[in-house]
Amino acid sequence: MTDLTIPQWKEKIAQDDNAVILDVRTQEEIENGMIAGAKHIDIYLGQGFLDEIEKLDTAKNYYVYCRSGARSAQACAVMAQKGFHTTYNLLGGYNGWSEQENK
């Protein structure tokens, strides 16, 4: 797992043809908006989260975010244990993203 700031994330993802954006927030949080093109898998689903990530292609590069960056870091760690080689955690999470988009 690599932690990326919002500018680093945007730059890296723009150059990555193998990128998948993964939103691990709750459904309630999603209702307040999400990053365009993101796949949603709520980390609080527990076994359901594990079942869903096992369906994902481990060869892809995953850009993972939550509200603040803590749950996404946890998700990246779980994904690494499940054989995912490239995961990026968005520092500051969606809250930071929303604030930057509104500037």
PDB file of N, CA and C in Angstrom:
ATOM      1  N   MET A   1       0.845  -1.178   0.000  1.00  0.00           N
ATOM      2  CA  MET A   1       0.000   0.000   0.000  1.00  0.00           C
ATOM      3  C   MET A   1       0.892   1.244   0.000  1.00  0.00           C
ATOM      4  N   THR A   2       0.472   2.186  -0.806  1.00  0.00           N
ATOM      5  CA  THR A   2       1.135   3.482  -0.849  1.00  0.00           C
ATOM      6  C   THR A   2       0.105   4.551  -0.527  1.00  0.00           C
ATOM      7  N   ASP A   3       0.442   5.449   0.390  1.00  0.00           N
ATOM      8  CA  ASP A   3      -0.434   6.581   0.693  1.00  0.00           C
ATOM      9  C   ASP A   3      -0.169   7.683  -0.323  1.00  0.00           C
ATOM     10  N   LEU A   4      -1.247   8.250  -0.870  1.00  0.00           N
ATOM     11  CA  LEU A   4      -1.123   9.338  -1.833  1.00  0.00           C
ATOM     12  C   LEU A   4      -1.950  10.535  -1.385  1.00  0.00           C
ATOM     13  N   THR A   5      -1.395  11.719  -1.574  1.00  0.00           N
ATOM     14  CA  THR A   5      -2.174  12.934  -1.360  1.00  0.00           C
ATOM     15  C   THR A   5      -3.146  13.068  -2.540  1.00  0.00           C
ATOM     16  N   ILE A   6      -4.083  13.978  -2.435  1.00  0.00           N
ATOM     17  CA  ILE A   6      -5.054  14.162  -3.512  1.00  0.00           C
ATOM     18  C   ILE A   6      -4.362  14.526  -4.831  1.00  0.00           C
ATOM     19  N   PRO A   7      -3.427  15.483  -4.857  1.00  0.00           N
ATOM     20  CA  PRO A   7      -2.751  15.782  -6.140  1.00  0.00           C
ATOM     21  C   PRO A   7      -1.975  14.578  -6.692  1.00  0.00           C
ATOM     22  N   GLN A   8      -1.299  13.823  -5.820  1.00  0.00           N
ATOM     23  CA  GLN A   8      -0.567  12.634  -6.266  1.00  0.00           C
ATOM     24  C   GLN A   8      -1.530  11.600  -6.848  1.00  0.00           C
ATOM     25  N   TRP A   9      -2.652  11.385  -6.158  1.00  0.00           N
ATOM     26  CA  TRP A   9      -3.680  10.429  -6.581  1.00  0.00           C
ATOM     27  C   TRP A   9      -4.186  10.792  -7.981  1.00  0.00           C
ATOM     28  N   LYS A  10      -4.554  12.064  -8.164  1.00  0.00           N
ATOM     29  CA  LYS A  10      -5.102  12.510  -9.449  1.00  0.00           C
ATOM     30  C   LYS A  10      -4.084  12.331 -10.570  1.00  0.00           C
ATOM     31  N   GLU A  11      -2.832  12.680 -10.292  1.00  0.00           N
ATOM     32  CA  GLU A  11      -1.786  12.545 -11.308  1.00  0.00           C
ATOM     33  C   GLU A  11      -1.546  11.080 -11.657  1.00  0.00           C
ATOM     34  N   LYS A  12      -1.434  10.248 -10.645  1.00  0.00           N
ATOM     35  CA  LYS A  12      -1.125   8.834 -10.866  1.00  0.00           C
ATOM     36  C   LYS A  12      -2.268   8.120 -11.587  1.00  0.00           C
ATOM     37  N   ILE A  13      -3.488   8.370 -11.167  1.00  0.00           N
ATOM     38  CA  ILE A  13      -4.627   7.678 -11.757  1.00  0.00           C
ATOM     39  C   ILE A  13      -4.841   8.103 -13.211  1.00  0.00           C
ATOM     40  N   ALA A  14      -4.516   9.359 -13.521  1.00  0.00           N
ATOM     41  CA  ALA A  14      -4.657   9.852 -14.894  1.00  0.00           C
ATOM     42  C   ALA A  14      -3.707   9.131 -15.853  1.00  0.00           C
ATOM     43  N   GLN A  15      -2.615   8.603 -15.321  1.00  0.00           N
ATOM     44  CA  GLN A  15      -1.606   7.918 -16.141  1.00  0.00           C
ATOM     45  C   GLN A  15      -1.701   6.401 -16.055  1.00  0.00           C
ATOM     46  N   ASP A  16      -2.705   5.877 -15.357  1.00  0.00           N
ATOM     47  CA  ASP A  16      -2.797   4.439 -15.076  1.00  0.00           C
ATOM     48  C   ASP A  16      -3.951   3.801 -15.857  1.00  0.00           C
ATOM     49  N   ASP A  17      -3.621   3.059 -16.891  1.00  0.00           N
ATOM     50  CA  ASP A  17      -4.634   2.372 -17.695  1.00  0.00           C
ATOM     51  C   ASP A  17      -5.182   1.121 -17.008  1.00  0.00           C
ATOM     52  N   ASN A  18      -4.597   0.762 -15.880  1.00  0.00           N
ATOM     53  CA  ASN A  18      -4.980  -0.458 -15.159  1.00  0.00           C
ATOM     54  C   ASN A  18      -5.634  -0.114 -13.817  1.00  0.00           C
ATOM     55  N   ALA A  19      -6.177   1.106 -13.713  1.00  0.00           N
ATOM     56  CA  ALA A  19      -6.690   1.619 -12.443  1.00  0.00           C
ATOM     57  C   ALA A  19      -8.139   1.227 -12.188  1.00  0.00           C
ATOM     58  N   VAL A  20      -8.429   0.938 -10.914  1.00  0.00           N
ATOM     59  CA  VAL A  20      -9.792   0.750 -10.428  1.00  0.00           C
ATOM     60  C   VAL A  20      -9.922   1.606  -9.170  1.00  0.00           C
ATOM     61  N   ILE A  21     -10.930   2.470  -9.138  1.00  0.00           N
ATOM     62  CA  ILE A  21     -11.186   3.284  -7.948  1.00  0.00           C
ATOM     63  C   ILE A  21     -12.173   2.518  -7.082  1.00  0.00           C
ATOM     64  N   LEU A  22     -11.826   2.338  -5.813  1.00  0.00           N
ATOM     65  CA  LEU A  22     -12.656   1.572  -4.891  1.00  0.00           C
ATOM     66  C   LEU A  22     -13.057   2.431  -3.696  1.00  0.00           C
ATOM     67  N   ASP A  23     -14.353   2.604  -3.526  1.00  0.00           N
ATOM     68  CA  ASP A  23     -14.926   3.383  -2.424  1.00  0.00           C
ATOM     69  C   ASP A  23     -15.391   2.394  -1.360  1.00  0.00           C
ATOM     70  N   VAL A  24     -14.825   2.477  -0.149  1.00  0.00           N
ATOM     71  CA  VAL A  24     -15.157   1.513   0.907  1.00  0.00           C
ATOM     72  C   VAL A  24     -16.050   2.118   1.991  1.00  0.00           C
ATOM     73  N   ARG A  25     -16.707   3.240   1.675  1.00  0.00           N
ATOM     74  CA  ARG A  25     -17.583   3.901   2.653  1.00  0.00           C
ATOM     75  C   ARG A  25     -18.943   3.198   2.729  1.00  0.00           C
ATOM     76  N   THR A  26     -19.746   3.640   3.692  1.00  0.00           N
ATOM     77  CA  THR A  26     -21.092   3.105   3.868  1.00  0.00           C
ATOM     78  C   THR A  26     -22.037   3.673   2.808  1.00  0.00           C
ATOM     79  N   GLN A  27     -23.182   3.026   2.639  1.00  0.00           N
ATOM     80  CA  GLN A  27     -24.181   3.512   1.687  1.00  0.00           C
ATOM     81  C   GLN A  27     -24.634   4.921   2.044  1.00  0.00           C
ATOM     82  N   GLU A  28     -24.777   5.209   3.328  1.00  0.00           N
ATOM     83  CA  GLU A  28     -25.188   6.542   3.773  1.00  0.00           C
ATOM     84  C   GLU A  28     -24.164   7.598   3.339  1.00  0.00           C
ATOM     85  N   GLU A  29     -22.883   7.257   3.436  1.00  0.00           N
ATOM     86  CA  GLU A  29     -21.838   8.194   3.027  1.00  0.00           C
ATOM     87  C   GLU A  29     -21.851   8.399   1.509  1.00  0.00           C
ATOM     88  N   ILE A  30     -22.131   7.352   0.775  1.00  0.00           N
ATOM     89  CA  ILE A  30     -22.190   7.413  -0.687  1.00  0.00           C
ATOM     90  C   ILE A  30     -23.269   8.402  -1.137  1.00  0.00           C
ATOM     91  N   GLU A  31     -24.351   8.477  -0.386  1.00  0.00           N
ATOM     92  CA  GLU A  31     -25.455   9.363  -0.751  1.00  0.00           C
ATOM     93  C   GLU A  31     -25.039  10.827  -0.779  1.00  0.00           C
ATOM     94  N   ASN A  32     -23.923  11.163  -0.130  1.00  0.00           N
ATOM     95  CA  ASN A  32     -23.396  12.528  -0.143  1.00  0.00           C
ATOM     96  C   ASN A  32     -22.448  12.770  -1.315  1.00  0.00           C
ATOM     97  N   GLY A  33     -22.320  11.777  -2.189  1.00  0.00           N
ATOM     98  CA  GLY A  33     -21.459  11.894  -3.356  1.00  0.00           C
ATOM     99  C   GLY A  33     -20.320  10.905  -3.320  1.00  0.00           C
ATOM    100  N   MET A  34     -19.735  10.693  -4.496  1.00  0.00           N
ATOM    101  CA  MET A  34     -18.591   9.798  -4.601  1.00  0.00           C
ATOM    102  C   MET A  34     -17.752  10.199  -5.811  1.00  0.00           C
ATOM    103  N   ILE A  35     -16.546   9.691  -5.881  1.00  0.00           N
ATOM    104  CA  ILE A  35     -15.661   9.975  -6.999  1.00  0.00           C
ATOM    105  C   ILE A  35     -16.210   9.254  -8.232  1.00  0.00           C
ATOM    106  N   ALA A  36     -16.288   9.966  -9.337  1.00  0.00           N
ATOM    107  CA  ALA A  36     -16.842   9.416 -10.578  1.00  0.00           C
ATOM    108  C   ALA A  36     -16.112   8.137 -10.987  1.00  0.00           C
ATOM    109  N   GLY A  37     -16.899   7.126 -11.326  1.00  0.00           N
ATOM    110  CA  GLY A  37     -16.342   5.870 -11.806  1.00  0.00           C
ATOM    111  C   GLY A  37     -15.929   4.890 -10.731  1.00  0.00           C
ATOM    112  N   ALA A  38     -16.127   5.240  -9.470  1.00  0.00           N
ATOM    113  CA  ALA A  38     -15.695   4.363  -8.376  1.00  0.00           C
ATOM    114  C   ALA A  38     -16.613   3.156  -8.226  1.00  0.00           C
ATOM    115  N   LYS A  39     -16.013   2.049  -7.821  1.00  0.00           N
ATOM    116  CA  LYS A  39     -16.753   0.839  -7.455  1.00  0.00           C
ATOM    117  C   LYS A  39     -16.957   0.898  -5.949  1.00  0.00           C
ATOM    118  N   HIS A  40     -18.158   0.604  -5.487  1.00  0.00           N
ATOM    119  CA  HIS A  40     -18.468   0.702  -4.059  1.00  0.00           C
ATOM    120  C   HIS A  40     -18.534  -0.678  -3.413  1.00  0.00           C
ATOM    121  N   ILE A  41     -17.709  -0.883  -2.387  1.00  0.00           N
ATOM    122  CA  ILE A  41     -17.783  -2.079  -1.531  1.00  0.00           C
ATOM    123  C   ILE A  41     -17.568  -1.596  -0.097  1.00  0.00           C
ATOM    124  N   ASP A  42     -18.623  -1.623   0.694  1.00  0.00           N
ATOM    125  CA  ASP A  42     -18.592  -1.136   2.079  1.00  0.00           C
ATOM    126  C   ASP A  42     -17.717  -2.049   2.946  1.00  0.00           C
ATOM    127  N   ILE A  43     -16.660  -1.487   3.528  1.00  0.00           N
ATOM    128  CA  ILE A  43     -15.758  -2.285   4.364  1.00  0.00           C
ATOM    129  C   ILE A  43     -16.462  -2.802   5.613  1.00  0.00           C
ATOM    130  N   TYR A  44     -17.526  -2.108   6.046  1.00  0.00           N
ATOM    131  CA  TYR A  44     -18.248  -2.560   7.239  1.00  0.00           C
ATOM    132  C   TYR A  44     -19.110  -3.799   6.991  1.00  0.00           C
ATOM    133  N   LEU A  45     -19.130  -4.305   5.766  1.00  0.00           N
ATOM    134  CA  LEU A  45     -19.883  -5.530   5.482  1.00  0.00           C
ATOM    135  C   LEU A  45     -19.185  -6.765   6.037  1.00  0.00           C
ATOM    136  N   GLY A  46     -17.964  -6.618   6.537  1.00  0.00           N
ATOM    137  CA  GLY A  46     -17.243  -7.739   7.133  1.00  0.00           C
ATOM    138  C   GLY A  46     -16.979  -8.826   6.117  1.00  0.00           C
ATOM    139  N   GLN A  47     -17.570  -9.998   6.323  1.00  0.00           N
ATOM    140  CA  GLN A  47     -17.374 -11.116   5.397  1.00  0.00           C
ATOM    141  C   GLN A  47     -17.864 -10.757   4.002  1.00  0.00           C
ATOM    142  N   GLY A  48     -18.901  -9.961   3.928  1.00  0.00           N
ATOM    143  CA  GLY A  48     -19.407  -9.514   2.632  1.00  0.00           C
ATOM    144  C   GLY A  48     -18.359  -8.709   1.872  1.00  0.00           C
ATOM    145  N   PHE A  49     -17.596  -7.891   2.592  1.00  0.00           N
ATOM    146  CA  PHE A  49     -16.505  -7.140   1.973  1.00  0.00           C
ATOM    147  C   PHE A  49     -15.457  -8.104   1.425  1.00  0.00           C
ATOM    148  N   LEU A  50     -15.087  -9.089   2.241  1.00  0.00           N
ATOM    149  CA  LEU A  50     -14.092 -10.076   1.804  1.00  0.00           C
ATOM    150  C   LEU A  50     -14.583 -10.833   0.579  1.00  0.00           C
ATOM    151  N   ASP A  51     -15.857 -11.223   0.593  1.00  0.00           N
ATOM    152  CA  ASP A  51     -16.426 -11.951  -0.545  1.00  0.00           C
ATOM    153  C   ASP A  51     -16.361 -11.118  -1.814  1.00  0.00           C
ATOM    154  N   GLU A  52     -16.654  -9.823  -1.688  1.00  0.00           N
ATOM    155  CA  GLU A  52     -16.663  -8.947  -2.861  1.00  0.00           C
ATOM    156  C   GLU A  52     -15.252  -8.669  -3.391  1.00  0.00           C
ATOM    157  N   ILE A  53     -14.285  -8.453  -2.497  1.00  0.00           N
ATOM    158  CA  ILE A  53     -12.935  -8.182  -3.008  1.00  0.00           C
ATOM    159  C   ILE A  53     -12.317  -9.431  -3.638  1.00  0.00           C
ATOM    160  N   GLU A  54     -12.750 -10.603  -3.192  1.00  0.00           N
ATOM    161  CA  GLU A  54     -12.233 -11.830  -3.806  1.00  0.00           C
ATOM    162  C   GLU A  54     -12.690 -11.977  -5.246  1.00  0.00           C
ATOM    163  N   LYS A  55     -13.717 -11.245  -5.647  1.00  0.00           N
ATOM    164  CA  LYS A  55     -14.202 -11.262  -7.035  1.00  0.00           C
ATOM    165  C   LYS A  55     -13.397 -10.324  -7.931  1.00  0.00           C
ATOM    166  N   LEU A  56     -12.570  -9.468  -7.326  1.00  0.00           N
ATOM    167  CA  LEU A  56     -11.813  -8.472  -8.076  1.00  0.00           C
ATOM    168  C   LEU A  56     -10.535  -9.067  -8.669  1.00  0.00           C
ATOM    169  N   ASP A  57     -10.053  -8.466  -9.737  1.00  0.00           N
ATOM    170  CA  ASP A  57      -8.835  -8.878 -10.423  1.00  0.00           C
ATOM    171  C   ASP A  57      -7.617  -8.362  -9.650  1.00  0.00           C
ATOM    172  N   THR A  58      -6.826  -9.256  -9.097  1.00  0.00           N
ATOM    173  CA  THR A  58      -5.668  -8.852  -8.293  1.00  0.00           C
ATOM    174  C   THR A  58      -4.575  -8.201  -9.139  1.00  0.00           C
ATOM    175  N   ALA A  59      -4.653  -8.306 -10.451  1.00  0.00           N
ATOM    176  CA  ALA A  59      -3.647  -7.716 -11.337  1.00  0.00           C
ATOM    177  C   ALA A  59      -3.894  -6.226 -11.586  1.00  0.00           C
ATOM    178  N   LYS A  60      -5.053  -5.729 -11.193  1.00  0.00           N
ATOM    179  CA  LYS A  60      -5.372  -4.310 -11.378  1.00  0.00           C
ATOM    180  C   LYS A  60      -4.704  -3.479 -10.286  1.00  0.00           C
ATOM    181  N   ASN A  61      -4.654  -2.167 -10.499  1.00  0.00           N
ATOM    182  CA  ASN A  61      -4.138  -1.219  -9.507  1.00  0.00           C
ATOM    183  C   ASN A  61      -5.343  -0.562  -8.845  1.00  0.00           C
ATOM    184  N   TYR A  62      -5.450  -0.693  -7.532  1.00  0.00           N
ATOM    185  CA  TYR A  62      -6.625  -0.205  -6.803  1.00  0.00           C
ATOM    186  C   TYR A  62      -6.324   1.080  -6.048  1.00  0.00           C
ATOM    187  N   TYR A  63      -7.147   2.084  -6.321  1.00  0.00           N
ATOM    188  CA  TYR A  63      -7.082   3.387  -5.667  1.00  0.00           C
ATOM    189  C   TYR A  63      -8.258   3.417  -4.698  1.00  0.00           C
ATOM    190  N   VAL A  64      -7.958   3.277  -3.413  1.00  0.00           N
ATOM    191  CA  VAL A  64      -8.981   3.023  -2.402  1.00  0.00           C
ATOM    192  C   VAL A  64      -9.187   4.271  -1.537  1.00  0.00           C
ATOM    193  N   TYR A  65     -10.459   4.593  -1.298  1.00  0.00           N
ATOM    194  CA  TYR A  65     -10.744   5.739  -0.435  1.00  0.00           C
ATOM    195  C   TYR A  65     -11.954   5.489   0.448  1.00  0.00           C
ATOM    196  N   CYS A  66     -12.004   6.248   1.543  1.00  0.00           N
ATOM    197  CA  CYS A  66     -13.138   6.256   2.471  1.00  0.00           C
ATOM    198  C   CYS A  66     -13.409   7.724   2.806  1.00  0.00           C
ATOM    199  N   ARG A  67     -13.964   7.982   3.949  1.00  0.00           N
ATOM    200  CA  ARG A  67     -14.260   9.363   4.336  1.00  0.00           C
ATOM    201  C   ARG A  67     -12.992  10.136   4.686  1.00  0.00           C
ATOM    202  N   SER A  68     -12.108   9.515   5.490  1.00  0.00           N
ATOM    203  CA  SER A  68     -10.938  10.240   5.988  1.00  0.00           C
ATOM    204  C   SER A  68      -9.593   9.602   5.643  1.00  0.00           C
ATOM    205  N   GLY A  69      -9.588   8.361   5.201  1.00  0.00           N
ATOM    206  CA  GLY A  69      -8.342   7.671   4.875  1.00  0.00           C
ATOM    207  C   GLY A  69      -8.010   6.517   5.793  1.00  0.00           C
ATOM    208  N   ALA A  70      -8.732   6.365   6.908  1.00  0.00           N
ATOM    209  CA  ALA A  70      -8.423   5.295   7.867  1.00  0.00           C
ATOM    210  C   ALA A  70      -8.969   3.931   7.409  1.00  0.00           C
ATOM    211  N   ARG A  71     -10.241   3.885   7.061  1.00  0.00           N
ATOM    212  CA  ARG A  71     -10.826   2.615   6.610  1.00  0.00           C
ATOM    213  C   ARG A  71     -10.214   2.156   5.294  1.00  0.00           C
ATOM    214  N   SER A  72      -9.876   3.112   4.434  1.00  0.00           N
ATOM    215  CA  SER A  72      -9.266   2.730   3.156  1.00  0.00           C
ATOM    216  C   SER A  72      -7.872   2.136   3.385  1.00  0.00           C
ATOM    217  N   ALA A  73      -7.138   2.644   4.357  1.00  0.00           N
ATOM    218  CA  ALA A  73      -5.836   2.055   4.699  1.00  0.00           C
ATOM    219  C   ALA A  73      -6.040   0.627   5.197  1.00  0.00           C
ATOM    220  N   GLN A  74      -7.075   0.430   6.016  1.00  0.00           N
ATOM    221  CA  GLN A  74      -7.399  -0.912   6.506  1.00  0.00           C
ATOM    222  C   GLN A  74      -7.780  -1.822   5.330  1.00  0.00           C
ATOM    223  N   ALA A  75      -8.568  -1.306   4.401  1.00  0.00           N
ATOM    224  CA  ALA A  75      -8.976  -2.088   3.238  1.00  0.00           C
ATOM    225  C   ALA A  75      -7.762  -2.481   2.403  1.00  0.00           C
ATOM    226  N   CYS A  76      -6.821  -1.564   2.229  1.00  0.00           N
ATOM    227  CA  CYS A  76      -5.601  -1.864   1.475  1.00  0.00           C
ATOM    228  C   CYS A  76      -4.810  -2.981   2.143  1.00  0.00           C
ATOM    229  N   ALA A  77      -4.741  -2.959   3.469  1.00  0.00           N
ATOM    230  CA  ALA A  77      -4.025  -4.000   4.209  1.00  0.00           C
ATOM    231  C   ALA A  77      -4.702  -5.362   4.018  1.00  0.00           C
ATOM    232  N   VAL A  78      -6.019  -5.378   4.099  1.00  0.00           N
ATOM    233  CA  VAL A  78      -6.768  -6.629   3.886  1.00  0.00           C
ATOM    234  C   VAL A  78      -6.544  -7.124   2.457  1.00  0.00           C
ATOM    235  N   MET A  79      -6.596  -6.206   1.500  1.00  0.00           N
ATOM    236  CA  MET A  79      -6.405  -6.582   0.103  1.00  0.00           C
ATOM    237  C   MET A  79      -5.013  -7.159  -0.128  1.00  0.00           C
ATOM    238  N   ALA A  80      -3.998  -6.601   0.525  1.00  0.00           N
ATOM    239  CA  ALA A  80      -2.634  -7.125   0.402  1.00  0.00           C
ATOM    240  C   ALA A  80      -2.568  -8.562   0.906  1.00  0.00           C
ATOM    241  N   GLN A  81      -3.276  -8.838   2.002  1.00  0.00           N
ATOM    242  CA  GLN A  81      -3.321 -10.199   2.540  1.00  0.00           C
ATOM    243  C   GLN A  81      -4.011 -11.160   1.583  1.00  0.00           C
ATOM    244  N   LYS A  82      -4.896 -10.618   0.736  1.00  0.00           N
ATOM    245  CA  LYS A  82      -5.647 -11.439  -0.215  1.00  0.00           C
ATOM    246  C   LYS A  82      -4.961 -11.521  -1.578  1.00  0.00           C
ATOM    247  N   GLY A  83      -3.732 -11.002  -1.675  1.00  0.00           N
ATOM    248  CA  GLY A  83      -2.965 -11.161  -2.896  1.00  0.00           C
ATOM    249  C   GLY A  83      -2.977  -9.984  -3.859  1.00  0.00           C
ATOM    250  N   PHE A  84      -3.519  -8.855  -3.442  1.00  0.00           N
ATOM    251  CA  PHE A  84      -3.493  -7.662  -4.285  1.00  0.00           C
ATOM    252  C   PHE A  84      -2.109  -7.025  -4.149  1.00  0.00           C
ATOM    253  N   HIS A  85      -1.479  -6.740  -5.281  1.00  0.00           N
ATOM    254  CA  HIS A  85      -0.108  -6.244  -5.261  1.00  0.00           C
ATOM    255  C   HIS A  85      -0.003  -4.723  -5.235  1.00  0.00           C
ATOM    256  N   THR A  86      -0.980  -4.039  -5.836  1.00  0.00           N
ATOM    257  CA  THR A  86      -0.863  -2.594  -5.956  1.00  0.00           C
ATOM    258  C   THR A  86      -2.128  -1.916  -5.452  1.00  0.00           C
ATOM    259  N   THR A  87      -2.012  -1.285  -4.282  1.00  0.00           N
ATOM    260  CA  THR A  87      -3.124  -0.520  -3.727  1.00  0.00           C
ATOM    261  C   THR A  87      -2.601   0.842  -3.284  1.00  0.00           C
ATOM    262  N   TYR A  88      -3.439   1.845  -3.493  1.00  0.00           N
ATOM    263  CA  TYR A  88      -3.109   3.209  -3.104  1.00  0.00           C
ATOM    264  C   TYR A  88      -4.210   3.729  -2.201  1.00  0.00           C
ATOM    265  N   ASN A  89      -3.816   4.296  -1.090  1.00  0.00           N
ATOM    266  CA  ASN A  89      -4.750   4.856  -0.121  1.00  0.00           C
ATOM    267  C   ASN A  89      -4.793   6.371  -0.290  1.00  0.00           C
ATOM    268  N   LEU A  90      -6.010   6.921  -0.379  1.00  0.00           N
ATOM    269  CA  LEU A  90      -6.175   8.374  -0.526  1.00  0.00           C
ATOM    270  C   LEU A  90      -6.109   9.040   0.844  1.00  0.00           C
ATOM    271  N   LEU A  91      -5.011   9.755   1.099  1.00  0.00           N
ATOM    272  CA  LEU A  91      -4.866  10.484   2.361  1.00  0.00           C
ATOM    273  C   LEU A  91      -5.909  11.596   2.428  1.00  0.00           C
ATOM    274  N   GLY A  92      -6.588  11.701   3.554  1.00  0.00           N
ATOM    275  CA  GLY A  92      -7.630  12.706   3.713  1.00  0.00           C
ATOM    276  C   GLY A  92      -8.982  12.250   3.214  1.00  0.00           C
ATOM    277  N   GLY A  93      -8.997  11.172   2.438  1.00  0.00           N
ATOM    278  CA  GLY A  93     -10.240  10.564   1.985  1.00  0.00           C
ATOM    279  C   GLY A  93     -11.150  11.487   1.195  1.00  0.00           C
ATOM    280  N   TYR A  94     -12.401  11.089   1.119  1.00  0.00           N
ATOM    281  CA  TYR A  94     -13.386  11.833   0.340  1.00  0.00           C
ATOM    282  C   TYR A  94     -13.639  13.220   0.915  1.00  0.00           C
ATOM    283  N   ASN A  95     -13.508  13.368   2.220  1.00  0.00           N
ATOM    284  CA  ASN A  95     -13.697  14.701   2.812  1.00  0.00           C
ATOM    285  C   ASN A  95     -12.708  15.693   2.211  1.00  0.00           C
ATOM    286  N   GLY A  96     -11.460  15.313   2.108  1.00  0.00           N
ATOM    287  CA  GLY A  96     -10.447  16.177   1.513  1.00  0.00           C
ATOM    288  C   GLY A  96     -10.697  16.391   0.031  1.00  0.00           C
ATOM    289  N   TRP A  97     -11.157  15.354  -0.652  1.00  0.00           N
ATOM    290  CA  TRP A  97     -11.452  15.427  -2.078  1.00  0.00           C
ATOM    291  C   TRP A  97     -12.560  16.449  -2.322  1.00  0.00           C
ATOM    292  N   SER A  98     -13.637  16.341  -1.546  1.00  0.00           N
ATOM    293  CA  SER A  98     -14.778  17.243  -1.696  1.00  0.00           C
ATOM    294  C   SER A  98     -14.371  18.684  -1.451  1.00  0.00           C
ATOM    295  N   GLU A  99     -13.555  18.897  -0.418  1.00  0.00           N
ATOM    296  CA  GLU A  99     -13.111  20.245  -0.096  1.00  0.00           C
ATOM    297  C   GLU A  99     -12.262  20.818  -1.226  1.00  0.00           C
ATOM    298  N   GLN A 100     -11.395  20.003  -1.806  1.00  0.00           N
ATOM    299  CA  GLN A 100     -10.544  20.473  -2.891  1.00  0.00           C
ATOM    300  C   GLN A 100     -11.368  20.745  -4.149  1.00  0.00           C
ATOM    301  N   GLU A 101     -12.360  19.915  -4.434  1.00  0.00           N
ATOM    302  CA  GLU A 101     -13.198  20.084  -5.616  1.00  0.00           C
ATOM    303  C   GLU A 101     -14.022  21.365  -5.527  1.00  0.00           C
ATOM    304  N   ASN A 102     -14.324  21.805  -4.309  1.00  0.00           N
ATOM    305  CA  ASN A 102     -15.149  22.987  -4.119  1.00  0.00           C
ATOM    306  C   ASN A 102     -14.351  24.283  -4.148  1.00  0.00           C
ATOM    307  N   LYS A 103     -13.048  24.191  -4.277  1.00  0.00           N
ATOM    308  CA  LYS A 103     -12.199  25.397  -4.284  1.00  0.00           C
ATOM    309  C   LYS A 103     -12.206  26.045  -5.657  1.00  0.00           C
TER     310      LYS A 103
END
